[in-house]
Amino acid sequence: GKLGKAGHKATLEEARRRFKEHVEGKHILSADLRSPVYVTVLKHGDSS
């Protein structure tokens, strides 16, 4: 979560990939990873 918020490139890319799979129902995120992934994609996200 800390690395994602701070814009660490590899963390941001992986968070976006896992978020997409989570939303599409392909691979549901574990409870431990949801907050860091959510916060990372939102911090660097847009209206969609």
All heavy atoms as atom14 arrays in JSON, in Angstrom:
{
  "sequence": "GKLGKAGHKATLEEARRRFKEHVEGKHILSADLRSPVYVTVLKHGDSS",
  "atom14_mask": [
    [1, 1, 1, 1, 0, 0, 0, 0, 0, 0, 0, 0, 0, 0],
    [1, 1, 1, 1, 1, 1, 1, 1, 1, 0, 0, 0, 0, 0],
    [1, 1, 1, 1, 1, 1, 1, 1, 0, 0, 0, 0, 0, 0],
    [1, 1, 1, 1, 0, 0, 0, 0, 0, 0, 0, 0, 0, 0],
    [1, 1, 1, 1, 1, 1, 1, 1, 1, 0, 0, 0, 0, 0],
    [1, 1, 1, 1, 1, 0, 0, 0, 0, 0, 0, 0, 0, 0],
    [1, 1, 1, 1, 0, 0, 0, 0, 0, 0, 0, 0, 0, 0],
    [1, 1, 1, 1, 1, 1, 1, 1, 1, 1, 0, 0, 0, 0],
    [1, 1, 1, 1, 1, 1, 1, 1, 1, 0, 0, 0, 0, 0],
    [1, 1, 1, 1, 1, 0, 0, 0, 0, 0, 0, 0, 0, 0],
    [1, 1, 1, 1, 1, 1, 1, 0, 0, 0, 0, 0, 0, 0],
    [1, 1, 1, 1, 1, 1, 1, 1, 0, 0, 0, 0, 0, 0],
    [1, 1, 1, 1, 1, 1, 1, 1, 1, 0, 0, 0, 0, 0],
    [1, 1, 1, 1, 1, 1, 1, 1, 1, 0, 0, 0, 0, 0],
    [1, 1, 1, 1, 1, 0, 0, 0, 0, 0, 0, 0, 0, 0],
    [1, 1, 1, 1, 1, 1, 1, 1, 1, 1, 1, 0, 0, 0],
    [1, 1, 1, 1, 1, 1, 1, 1, 1, 1, 1, 0, 0, 0],
    [1, 1, 1, 1, 1, 1, 1, 1, 1, 1, 1, 0, 0, 0],
    [1, 1, 1, 1, 1, 1, 1, 1, 1, 1, 1, 0, 0, 0],
    [1, 1, 1, 1, 1, 1, 1, 1, 1, 0, 0, 0, 0, 0],
    [1, 1, 1, 1, 1, 1, 1, 1, 1, 0, 0, 0, 0, 0],
    [1, 1, 1, 1, 1, 1, 1, 1, 1, 1, 0, 0, 0, 0],
    [1, 1, 1, 1, 1, 1, 1, 0, 0, 0, 0, 0, 0, 0],
    [1, 1, 1, 1, 1, 1, 1, 1, 1, 0, 0, 0, 0, 0],
    [1, 1, 1, 1, 0, 0, 0, 0, 0, 0, 0, 0, 0, 0],
    [1, 1, 1, 1, 1, 1, 1, 1, 1, 0, 0, 0, 0, 0],
    [1, 1, 1, 1, 1, 1, 1, 1, 1, 1, 0, 0, 0, 0],
    [1, 1, 1, 1, 1, 1, 1, 1, 0, 0, 0, 0, 0, 0],
    [1, 1, 1, 1, 1, 1, 1, 1, 0, 0, 0, 0, 0, 0],
    [1, 1, 1, 1, 1, 1, 0, 0, 0, 0, 0, 0, 0, 0],
    [1, 1, 1, 1, 1, 0, 0, 0, 0, 0, 0, 0, 0, 0],
    [1, 1, 1, 1, 1, 1, 1, 1, 0, 0, 0, 0, 0, 0],
    [1, 1, 1, 1, 1, 1, 1, 1, 0, 0, 0, 0, 0, 0],
    [1, 1, 1, 1, 1, 1, 1, 1, 1, 1, 1, 0, 0, 0],
    [1, 1, 1, 1, 1, 1, 0, 0, 0, 0, 0, 0, 0, 0],
    [1, 1, 1, 1, 1, 1, 1, 0, 0, 0, 0, 0, 0, 0],
    [1, 1, 1, 1, 1, 1, 1, 0, 0, 0, 0, 0, 0, 0],
    [1, 1, 1, 1, 1, 1, 1, 1, 1, 1, 1, 1, 0, 0],
    [1, 1, 1, 1, 1, 1, 1, 0, 0, 0, 0, 0, 0, 0],
    [1, 1, 1, 1, 1, 1, 1, 0, 0, 0, 0, 0, 0, 0],
    [1, 1, 1, 1, 1, 1, 1, 0, 0, 0, 0, 0, 0, 0],
    [1, 1, 1, 1, 1, 1, 1, 1, 0, 0, 0, 0, 0, 0],
    [1, 1, 1, 1, 1, 1, 1, 1, 1, 0, 0, 0, 0, 0],
    [1, 1, 1, 1, 1, 1, 1, 1, 1, 1, 0, 0, 0, 0],
    [1, 1, 1, 1, 0, 0, 0, 0, 0, 0, 0, 0, 0, 0],
    [1, 1, 1, 1, 1, 1, 1, 1, 0, 0, 0, 0, 0, 0],
    [1, 1, 1, 1, 1, 1, 0, 0, 0, 0, 0, 0, 0, 0],
    [1, 1, 1, 1, 1, 1, 0, 0, 0, 0, 0, 0, 0, 0]
  ],
  "atom14_positions": [
    [[0.82, -1.21, 0.0], [0.0, 0.0, 0.0], [0.85, 1.26, 0.0], [0.57, 2.23, -0.71], [0.0, 0.0, 0.0], [0.0, 0.0, 0.0], [0.0, 0.0, 0.0], [0.0, 0.0, 0.0], [0.0, 0.0, 0.0], [0.0, 0.0, 0.0], [0.0, 0.0, 0.0], [0.0, 0.0, 0.0], [0.0, 0.0, 0.0], [0.0, 0.0, 0.0]],
    [[1.92, 1.23, 0.79], [2.82, 2.38, 0.88], [3.53, 2.62, -0.46], [3.61, 3.75, -0.93], [3.85, 2.11, 1.99], [4.51, 3.36, 2.54], [3.6, 4.1, 3.47], [4.31, 5.29, 4.11], [3.37, 6.13, 4.85], [0.0, 0.0, 0.0], [0.0, 0.0, 0.0], [0.0, 0.0, 0.0], [0.0, 0.0, 0.0], [0.0, 0.0, 0.0]],
    [[4.04, 1.53, -1.04], [4.73, 1.65, -2.33], [3.77, 2.08, -3.44], [4.11, 2.92, -4.28], [5.37, 0.31, -2.72], [6.66, -0.07, -1.98], [7.02, -1.52, -2.24], [7.81, 0.84, -2.4], [0.0, 0.0, 0.0], [0.0, 0.0, 0.0], [0.0, 0.0, 0.0], [0.0, 0.0, 0.0], [0.0, 0.0, 0.0], [0.0, 0.0, 0.0]],
    [[2.57, 1.54, -3.42], [1.57, 1.88, -4.44], [1.19, 3.34, -4.39], [1.17, 4.04, -5.41], [0.0, 0.0, 0.0], [0.0, 0.0, 0.0], [0.0, 0.0, 0.0], [0.0, 0.0, 0.0], [0.0, 0.0, 0.0], [0.0, 0.0, 0.0], [0.0, 0.0, 0.0], [0.0, 0.0, 0.0], [0.0, 0.0, 0.0], [0.0, 0.0, 0.0]],
    [[0.92, 3.82, -3.18], [0.54, 5.23, -3.02], [1.68, 6.15, -3.45], [1.46, 7.22, -4.01], [0.17, 5.52, -1.56], [-1.3, 5.32, -1.28], [-1.75, 6.0, 0.01], [-1.15, 5.36, 1.23], [-1.74, 5.83, 2.48], [0.0, 0.0, 0.0], [0.0, 0.0, 0.0], [0.0, 0.0, 0.0], [0.0, 0.0, 0.0], [0.0, 0.0, 0.0]],
    [[2.92, 5.72, -3.17], [4.09, 6.55, -3.51], [4.46, 6.47, -4.99], [5.43, 7.08, -5.43], [5.29, 6.14, -2.65], [0.0, 0.0, 0.0], [0.0, 0.0, 0.0], [0.0, 0.0, 0.0], [0.0, 0.0, 0.0], [0.0, 0.0, 0.0], [0.0, 0.0, 0.0], [0.0, 0.0, 0.0], [0.0, 0.0, 0.0], [0.0, 0.0, 0.0]],
    [[3.68, 5.69, -5.76], [3.89, 5.64, -7.2], [5.02, 4.73, -7.65], [5.62, 4.95, -8.71], [0.0, 0.0, 0.0], [0.0, 0.0, 0.0], [0.0, 0.0, 0.0], [0.0, 0.0, 0.0], [0.0, 0.0, 0.0], [0.0, 0.0, 0.0], [0.0, 0.0, 0.0], [0.0, 0.0, 0.0], [0.0, 0.0, 0.0], [0.0, 0.0, 0.0]],
    [[5.32, 3.69, -6.86], [6.34, 2.71, -7.26], [5.83, 1.97, -8.49], [4.8, 1.3, -8.45], [6.59, 1.74, -6.09], [7.66, 0.75, -6.34], [7.39, -0.59, -6.6], [9.01, 0.88, -6.38], [8.54, -1.23, -6.78], [9.53, -0.37, -6.65], [0.0, 0.0, 0.0], [0.0, 0.0, 0.0], [0.0, 0.0, 0.0], [0.0, 0.0, 0.0]],
    [[6.57, 2.09, -9.61], [6.07, 1.67, -10.92], [5.62, 0.2, -10.97], [4.51, -0.12, -11.38], [7.13, 1.94, -11.99], [6.61, 1.91, -13.41], [7.6, 2.59, -14.35], [7.12, 2.51, -15.79], [7.27, 1.17, -16.38], [0.0, 0.0, 0.0], [0.0, 0.0, 0.0], [0.0, 0.0, 0.0], [0.0, 0.0, 0.0], [0.0, 0.0, 0.0]],
    [[6.5, -0.71, -10.51], [6.17, -2.14, -10.58], [4.97, -2.48, -9.72], [4.12, -3.3, -10.11], [7.39, -2.97, -10.15], [0.0, 0.0, 0.0], [0.0, 0.0, 0.0], [0.0, 0.0, 0.0], [0.0, 0.0, 0.0], [0.0, 0.0, 0.0], [0.0, 0.0, 0.0], [0.0, 0.0, 0.0], [0.0, 0.0, 0.0], [0.0, 0.0, 0.0]],
    [[4.86, -1.84, -8.55], [3.74, -2.09, -7.64], [2.43, -1.6, -8.27], [1.41, -2.28, -8.22], [3.97, -1.39, -6.28], [5.23, -1.8, -5.77], [2.88, -1.72, -5.28], [0.0, 0.0, 0.0], [0.0, 0.0, 0.0], [0.0, 0.0, 0.0], [0.0, 0.0, 0.0], [0.0, 0.0, 0.0], [0.0, 0.0, 0.0], [0.0, 0.0, 0.0]],
    [[2.5, -0.43, -8.88], [1.31, 0.15, -9.52], [0.83, -0.74, -10.67], [-0.37, -1.03, -10.78], [1.64, 1.56, -10.03], [0.56, 2.31, -10.82], [-0.73, 2.42, -10.03], [1.05, 3.7, -11.22], [0.0, 0.0, 0.0], [0.0, 0.0, 0.0], [0.0, 0.0, 0.0], [0.0, 0.0, 0.0], [0.0, 0.0, 0.0], [0.0, 0.0, 0.0]],
    [[1.76, -1.21, -11.48], [1.38, -2.07, -12.62], [0.73, -3.38, -12.15], [-0.28, -3.81, -12.69], [2.62, -2.37, -13.48], [3.04, -1.18, -14.34], [4.39, -1.37, -15.0], [5.0, -2.45, -14.84], [4.85, -0.43, -15.68], [0.0, 0.0, 0.0], [0.0, 0.0, 0.0], [0.0, 0.0, 0.0], [0.0, 0.0, 0.0], [0.0, 0.0, 0.0]],
    [[1.35, -4.0, -11.13], [0.81, -5.27, -10.62], [-0.54, -5.06, -9.94], [-1.45, -5.88, -10.08], [1.83, -5.89, -9.64], [1.45, -7.26, -9.13], [1.36, -8.35, -10.2], [1.77, -8.13, -11.36], [0.84, -9.44, -9.87], [0.0, 0.0, 0.0], [0.0, 0.0, 0.0], [0.0, 0.0, 0.0], [0.0, 0.0, 0.0], [0.0, 0.0, 0.0]],
    [[-0.68, -3.94, -9.22], [-1.96, -3.64, -8.56], [-3.06, -3.46, -9.6], [-4.17, -3.98, -9.43], [-1.83, -2.37, -7.71], [0.0, 0.0, 0.0], [0.0, 0.0, 0.0], [0.0, 0.0, 0.0], [0.0, 0.0, 0.0], [0.0, 0.0, 0.0], [0.0, 0.0, 0.0], [0.0, 0.0, 0.0], [0.0, 0.0, 0.0], [0.0, 0.0, 0.0]],
    [[-2.76, -2.77, -10.68], [-3.76, -2.56, -11.74], [-4.15, -3.9, -12.39], [-5.32, -4.14, -12.68], [-3.2, -1.6, -12.81], [-3.29, -0.15, -12.37], [-2.71, 0.78, -13.41], [-2.98, 2.17, -13.07], [-2.25, 3.2, -13.48], [-1.18, 2.98, -14.24], [-2.55, 4.43, -13.14], [0.0, 0.0, 0.0], [0.0, 0.0, 0.0], [0.0, 0.0, 0.0]],
    [[-3.16, -4.75, -12.62], [-3.43, -6.06, -13.23], [-4.33, -6.9, -12.33], [-5.33, -7.47, -12.78], [-2.1, -6.79, -13.47], [-2.24, -8.08, -14.27], [-0.92, -8.83, -14.37], [-0.52, -9.44, -13.12], [-1.05, -10.55, -12.62], [-2.03, -11.17, -13.26], [-0.61, -11.05, -11.48], [0.0, 0.0, 0.0], [0.0, 0.0, 0.0], [0.0, 0.0, 0.0]],
    [[-3.99, -6.94, -11.05], [-4.77, -7.76, -10.1], [-6.17, -7.16, -9.87], [-7.13, -7.91, -9.68], [-4.01, -7.89, -8.77], [-2.79, -8.8, -8.91], [-2.06, -9.0, -7.6], [-0.88, -9.83, -7.8], [-0.66, -11.0, -7.18], [-1.54, -11.48, -6.33], [0.45, -11.68, -7.42], [0.0, 0.0, 0.0], [0.0, 0.0, 0.0], [0.0, 0.0, 0.0]],
    [[-6.26, -5.85, -9.9], [-7.56, -5.2, -9.73], [-8.48, -5.55, -10.89], [-9.66, -5.88, -10.69], [-7.36, -3.68, -9.64], [-8.64, -2.9, -9.42], [-9.33, -3.02, -8.23], [-9.14, -2.06, -10.41], [-10.51, -2.3, -8.02], [-10.31, -1.35, -10.21], [-11.0, -1.47, -9.01], [0.0, 0.0, 0.0], [0.0, 0.0, 0.0], [0.0, 0.0, 0.0]],
    [[-7.93, -5.51, -12.11], [-8.72, -5.83, -13.31], [-9.25, -7.27, -13.22], [-10.43, -7.53, -13.48], [-7.83, -5.65, -14.55], [-8.55, -5.81, -15.87], [-7.62, -5.4, -17.02], [-8.33, -5.5, -18.36], [-8.51, -6.88, -18.82], [0.0, 0.0, 0.0], [0.0, 0.0, 0.0], [0.0, 0.0, 0.0], [0.0, 0.0, 0.0], [0.0, 0.0, 0.0]],
    [[-8.38, -8.2, -12.82], [-8.8, -9.61, -12.7], [-9.85, -9.79, -11.59], [-10.77, -10.6, -11.72], [-7.58, -10.5, -12.41], [-6.66, -10.65, -13.6], [-5.62, -11.74, -13.4], [-5.43, -12.19, -12.25], [-5.01, -12.16, -14.4], [0.0, 0.0, 0.0], [0.0, 0.0, 0.0], [0.0, 0.0, 0.0], [0.0, 0.0, 0.0], [0.0, 0.0, 0.0]],
    [[-9.71, -9.01, -10.53], [-10.66, -9.05, -9.41], [-12.04, -8.57, -9.88], [-13.05, -9.22, -9.61], [-10.13, -8.15, -8.28], [-11.05, -8.04, -7.11], [-11.26, -9.06, -6.21], [-11.83, -7.0, -6.67], [-12.12, -8.68, -5.27], [-12.48, -7.43, -5.54], [0.0, 0.0, 0.0], [0.0, 0.0, 0.0], [0.0, 0.0, 0.0], [0.0, 0.0, 0.0]],
    [[-12.06, -7.45, -10.58], [-13.32, -6.86, -11.05], [-14.01, -7.78, -12.05], [-15.23, -7.94, -12.04], [-13.06, -5.46, -11.67], [-14.3, -4.92, -12.37], [-12.6, -4.48, -10.6], [0.0, 0.0, 0.0], [0.0, 0.0, 0.0], [0.0, 0.0, 0.0], [0.0, 0.0, 0.0], [0.0, 0.0, 0.0], [0.0, 0.0, 0.0], [0.0, 0.0, 0.0]],
    [[-13.18, -8.41, -12.91], [-13.75, -9.32, -13.93], [-14.13, -10.68, -13.35], [-14.7, -11.51, -14.05], [-12.73, -9.5, -15.06], [-12.54, -8.24, -15.9], [-11.35, -8.33, -16.85], [-10.59, -9.33, -16.78], [-11.17, -7.41, -17.66], [0.0, 0.0, 0.0], [0.0, 0.0, 0.0], [0.0, 0.0, 0.0], [0.0, 0.0, 0.0], [0.0, 0.0, 0.0]],
    [[-13.79, -10.91, -12.08], [-14.13, -12.19, -11.44], [-13.21, -13.33, -11.8], [-13.48, -14.5, -11.5], [0.0, 0.0, 0.0], [0.0, 0.0, 0.0], [0.0, 0.0, 0.0], [0.0, 0.0, 0.0], [0.0, 0.0, 0.0], [0.0, 0.0, 0.0], [0.0, 0.0, 0.0], [0.0, 0.0, 0.0], [0.0, 0.0, 0.0], [0.0, 0.0, 0.0]],
    [[-12.07, -13.01, -12.47], [-11.13, -14.06, -12.89], [-10.32, -14.58, -11.72], [-10.02, -15.76, -11.62], [-10.18, -13.52, -13.97], [-10.83, -13.31, -15.32], [-9.81, -12.77, -16.31], [-10.45, -12.41, -17.64], [-9.52, -11.66, -18.5], [0.0, 0.0, 0.0], [0.0, 0.0, 0.0], [0.0, 0.0, 0.0], [0.0, 0.0, 0.0], [0.0, 0.0, 0.0]],
    [[-9.89, -13.64, -10.87], [-9.06, -14.02, -9.73], [-9.36, -13.05, -8.58], [-8.88, -11.92, -8.58], [-7.57, -13.95, -10.13], [-6.69, -14.7, -9.18], [-6.3, -14.17, -7.98], [-6.13, -15.94, -9.26], [-5.53, -15.05, -7.35], [-5.41, -16.14, -8.1], [0.0, 0.0, 0.0], [0.0, 0.0, 0.0], [0.0, 0.0, 0.0], [0.0, 0.0, 0.0]],
    [[-10.17, -13.49, -7.63], [-10.6, -12.6, -6.55], [-9.44, -12.31, -5.6], [-8.71, -13.23, -5.19], [-11.79, -13.22, -5.78], [-12.97, -13.46, -6.74], [-12.22, -12.35, -4.6], [-13.51, -12.23, -7.42], [0.0, 0.0, 0.0], [0.0, 0.0, 0.0], [0.0, 0.0, 0.0], [0.0, 0.0, 0.0], [0.0, 0.0, 0.0], [0.0, 0.0, 0.0]],
    [[-9.26, -11.05, -5.27], [-8.18, -10.64, -4.36], [-8.42, -11.18, -2.95], [-9.56, -11.19, -2.47], [-8.13, -9.11, -4.28], [-7.51, -8.35, -5.44], [-7.91, -6.88, -5.36], [-6.0, -8.48, -5.44], [0.0, 0.0, 0.0], [0.0, 0.0, 0.0], [0.0, 0.0, 0.0], [0.0, 0.0, 0.0], [0.0, 0.0, 0.0], [0.0, 0.0, 0.0]],
    [[-7.34, -11.59, -2.3], [-7.46, -12.0, -0.89], [-7.76, -10.77, -0.05], [-7.43, -9.64, -0.43], [-6.17, -12.66, -0.42], [-5.13, -11.71, -0.36], [0.0, 0.0, 0.0], [0.0, 0.0, 0.0], [0.0, 0.0, 0.0], [0.0, 0.0, 0.0], [0.0, 0.0, 0.0], [0.0, 0.0, 0.0], [0.0, 0.0, 0.0], [0.0, 0.0, 0.0]],
    [[-8.37, -10.98, 1.1], [-8.75, -9.86, 1.97], [-7.55, -8.99, 2.32], [-7.64, -7.77, 2.38], [-9.4, -10.39, 3.25], [0.0, 0.0, 0.0], [0.0, 0.0, 0.0], [0.0, 0.0, 0.0], [0.0, 0.0, 0.0], [0.0, 0.0, 0.0], [0.0, 0.0, 0.0], [0.0, 0.0, 0.0], [0.0, 0.0, 0.0], [0.0, 0.0, 0.0]],
    [[-6.37, -9.62, 2.53], [-5.16, -8.88, 2.91], [-4.7, -7.9, 1.84], [-4.09, -6.89, 2.15], [-4.0, -9.86, 3.18], [-4.27, -10.75, 4.37], [-4.92, -10.28, 5.32], [-3.85, -11.92, 4.34], [0.0, 0.0, 0.0], [0.0, 0.0, 0.0], [0.0, 0.0, 0.0], [0.0, 0.0, 0.0], [0.0, 0.0, 0.0], [0.0, 0.0, 0.0]],
    [[-4.98, -8.23, 0.58], [-4.46, -7.4, -0.51], [-5.45, -6.37, -1.03], [-5.09, -5.49, -1.81], [-4.02, -8.29, -1.68], [-2.75, -9.13, -1.46], [-2.47, -9.98, -2.68], [-1.54, -8.25, -1.14], [0.0, 0.0, 0.0], [0.0, 0.0, 0.0], [0.0, 0.0, 0.0], [0.0, 0.0, 0.0], [0.0, 0.0, 0.0], [0.0, 0.0, 0.0]],
    [[-6.7, -6.47, -0.59], [-7.71, -5.57, -1.18], [-7.42, -4.09, -0.89], [-7.4, -3.29, -1.82], [-9.11, -5.96, -0.69], [-9.57, -7.24, -1.36], [-11.0, -7.59, -1.04], [-11.27, -8.95, -1.48], [-12.46, -9.5, -1.47], [-13.5, -8.83, -1.03], [-12.63, -10.75, -1.88], [0.0, 0.0, 0.0], [0.0, 0.0, 0.0], [0.0, 0.0, 0.0]],
    [[-7.21, -3.75, 0.38], [-6.97, -2.32, 0.69], [-5.77, -1.75, -0.05], [-5.87, -0.69, -0.66], [-6.81, -2.12, 2.2], [-8.07, -2.3, 2.83], [0.0, 0.0, 0.0], [0.0, 0.0, 0.0], [0.0, 0.0, 0.0], [0.0, 0.0, 0.0], [0.0, 0.0, 0.0], [0.0, 0.0, 0.0], [0.0, 0.0, 0.0], [0.0, 0.0, 0.0]],
    [[-4.58, -2.42, -0.02], [-3.44, -1.85, -0.76], [-3.68, -1.73, -2.26], [-3.26, -0.75, -2.88], [-2.28, -2.81, -0.47], [-2.86, -4.01, 0.17], [-4.16, -3.6, 0.77], [0.0, 0.0, 0.0], [0.0, 0.0, 0.0], [0.0, 0.0, 0.0], [0.0, 0.0, 0.0], [0.0, 0.0, 0.0], [0.0, 0.0, 0.0], [0.0, 0.0, 0.0]],
    [[-4.38, -2.71, -2.84], [-4.66, -2.65, -4.28], [-5.65, -1.53, -4.57], [-5.44, -0.7, -5.48], [-5.19, -4.0, -4.81], [-5.79, -3.84, -6.21], [-4.06, -5.03, -4.84], [0.0, 0.0, 0.0], [0.0, 0.0, 0.0], [0.0, 0.0, 0.0], [0.0, 0.0, 0.0], [0.0, 0.0, 0.0], [0.0, 0.0, 0.0], [0.0, 0.0, 0.0]],
    [[-6.72, -1.46, -3.8], [-7.73, -0.41, -4.0], [-7.11, 0.99, -3.89], [-7.35, 1.86, -4.71], [-8.85, -0.53, -2.95], [-9.74, -1.74, -3.06], [-10.62, -2.07, -2.03], [-9.73, -2.56, -4.19], [-11.46, -3.18, -2.11], [-10.55, -3.68, -4.27], [-11.42, -3.98, -3.23], [-12.24, -5.08, -3.31], [0.0, 0.0, 0.0], [0.0, 0.0, 0.0]],
    [[-6.31, 1.19, -2.84], [-5.75, 2.52, -2.6], [-4.77, 2.9, -3.71], [-4.71, 4.06, -4.14], [-5.1, 2.6, -1.19], [-3.67, 2.14, -1.16], [-5.19, 4.0, -0.62], [0.0, 0.0, 0.0], [0.0, 0.0, 0.0], [0.0, 0.0, 0.0], [0.0, 0.0, 0.0], [0.0, 0.0, 0.0], [0.0, 0.0, 0.0], [0.0, 0.0, 0.0]],
    [[-4.04, 1.91, -4.22], [-3.06, 2.17, -5.29], [-3.75, 2.56, -6.59], [-3.38, 3.55, -7.22], [-2.17, 0.93, -5.51], [-1.47, 0.64, -4.3], [-1.16, 1.17, -6.62], [0.0, 0.0, 0.0], [0.0, 0.0, 0.0], [0.0, 0.0, 0.0], [0.0, 0.0, 0.0], [0.0, 0.0, 0.0], [0.0, 0.0, 0.0], [0.0, 0.0, 0.0]],
    [[-4.77, 1.78, -6.99], [-5.43, 2.08, -8.27], [-6.22, 3.39, -8.19], [-6.31, 4.13, -9.17], [-6.33, 0.93, -8.77], [-5.49, -0.31, -9.08], [-7.44, 0.59, -7.81], [0.0, 0.0, 0.0], [0.0, 0.0, 0.0], [0.0, 0.0, 0.0], [0.0, 0.0, 0.0], [0.0, 0.0, 0.0], [0.0, 0.0, 0.0], [0.0, 0.0, 0.0]],
    [[-6.76, 3.7, -7.01], [-7.51, 4.96, -6.86], [-6.57, 6.16, -6.9], [-6.85, 7.16, -7.56], [-8.29, 4.96, -5.55], [-9.65, 4.26, -5.57], [-10.12, 4.0, -4.15], [-10.7, 5.06, -6.33], [0.0, 0.0, 0.0], [0.0, 0.0, 0.0], [0.0, 0.0, 0.0], [0.0, 0.0, 0.0], [0.0, 0.0, 0.0], [0.0, 0.0, 0.0]],
    [[-5.46, 6.07, -6.17], [-4.5, 7.18, -6.09], [-4.03, 7.6, -7.48], [-3.8, 8.77, -7.76], [-3.3, 6.76, -5.22], [-2.25, 7.84, -5.0], [-2.69, 8.81, -3.95], [-1.66, 9.89, -3.69], [-2.2, 10.94, -2.83], [0.0, 0.0, 0.0], [0.0, 0.0, 0.0], [0.0, 0.0, 0.0], [0.0, 0.0, 0.0], [0.0, 0.0, 0.0]],
    [[-3.88, 6.61, -8.35], [-3.38, 6.89, -9.71], [-4.46, 6.62, -10.74], [-4.18, 6.32, -11.9], [-2.14, 6.03, -9.98], [-1.1, 6.15, -8.92], [-0.22, 7.21, -8.86], [-0.83, 5.38, -7.83], [0.57, 7.07, -7.79], [0.21, 5.98, -7.15], [0.0, 0.0, 0.0], [0.0, 0.0, 0.0], [0.0, 0.0, 0.0], [0.0, 0.0, 0.0]],
    [[-5.73, 6.73, -10.3], [-6.85, 6.39, -11.18], [-7.61, 7.59, -11.7], [-7.28, 8.74, -11.42], [0.0, 0.0, 0.0], [0.0, 0.0, 0.0], [0.0, 0.0, 0.0], [0.0, 0.0, 0.0], [0.0, 0.0, 0.0], [0.0, 0.0, 0.0], [0.0, 0.0, 0.0], [0.0, 0.0, 0.0], [0.0, 0.0, 0.0], [0.0, 0.0, 0.0]],
    [[-8.68, 7.3, -12.44], [-9.52, 8.36, -13.03], [-10.98, 8.09, -12.67], [-11.28, 7.29, -11.79], [-9.32, 8.4, -14.56], [-9.54, 7.03, -15.21], [-10.16, 6.15, -14.57], [-9.09, 6.84, -16.36], [0.0, 0.0, 0.0], [0.0, 0.0, 0.0], [0.0, 0.0, 0.0], [0.0, 0.0, 0.0], [0.0, 0.0, 0.0], [0.0, 0.0, 0.0]],
    [[-11.89, 8.76, -13.38], [-13.32, 8.65, -13.05], [-13.83, 7.22, -13.22], [-14.68, 6.76, -12.46], [-14.15, 9.62, -13.89], [-13.96, 9.34, -15.26], [0.0, 0.0, 0.0], [0.0, 0.0, 0.0], [0.0, 0.0, 0.0], [0.0, 0.0, 0.0], [0.0, 0.0, 0.0], [0.0, 0.0, 0.0], [0.0, 0.0, 0.0], [0.0, 0.0, 0.0]],
    [[-13.3, 6.49, -14.22], [-13.78, 5.11, -14.42], [-13.32, 4.21, -13.26], [-14.04, 3.29, -12.86], [-13.32, 4.55, -15.76], [-11.94, 4.34, -15.77], [0.0, 0.0, 0.0], [0.0, 0.0, 0.0], [0.0, 0.0, 0.0], [0.0, 0.0, 0.0], [0.0, 0.0, 0.0], [0.0, 0.0, 0.0], [0.0, 0.0, 0.0], [0.0, 0.0, 0.0]]
  ]
}
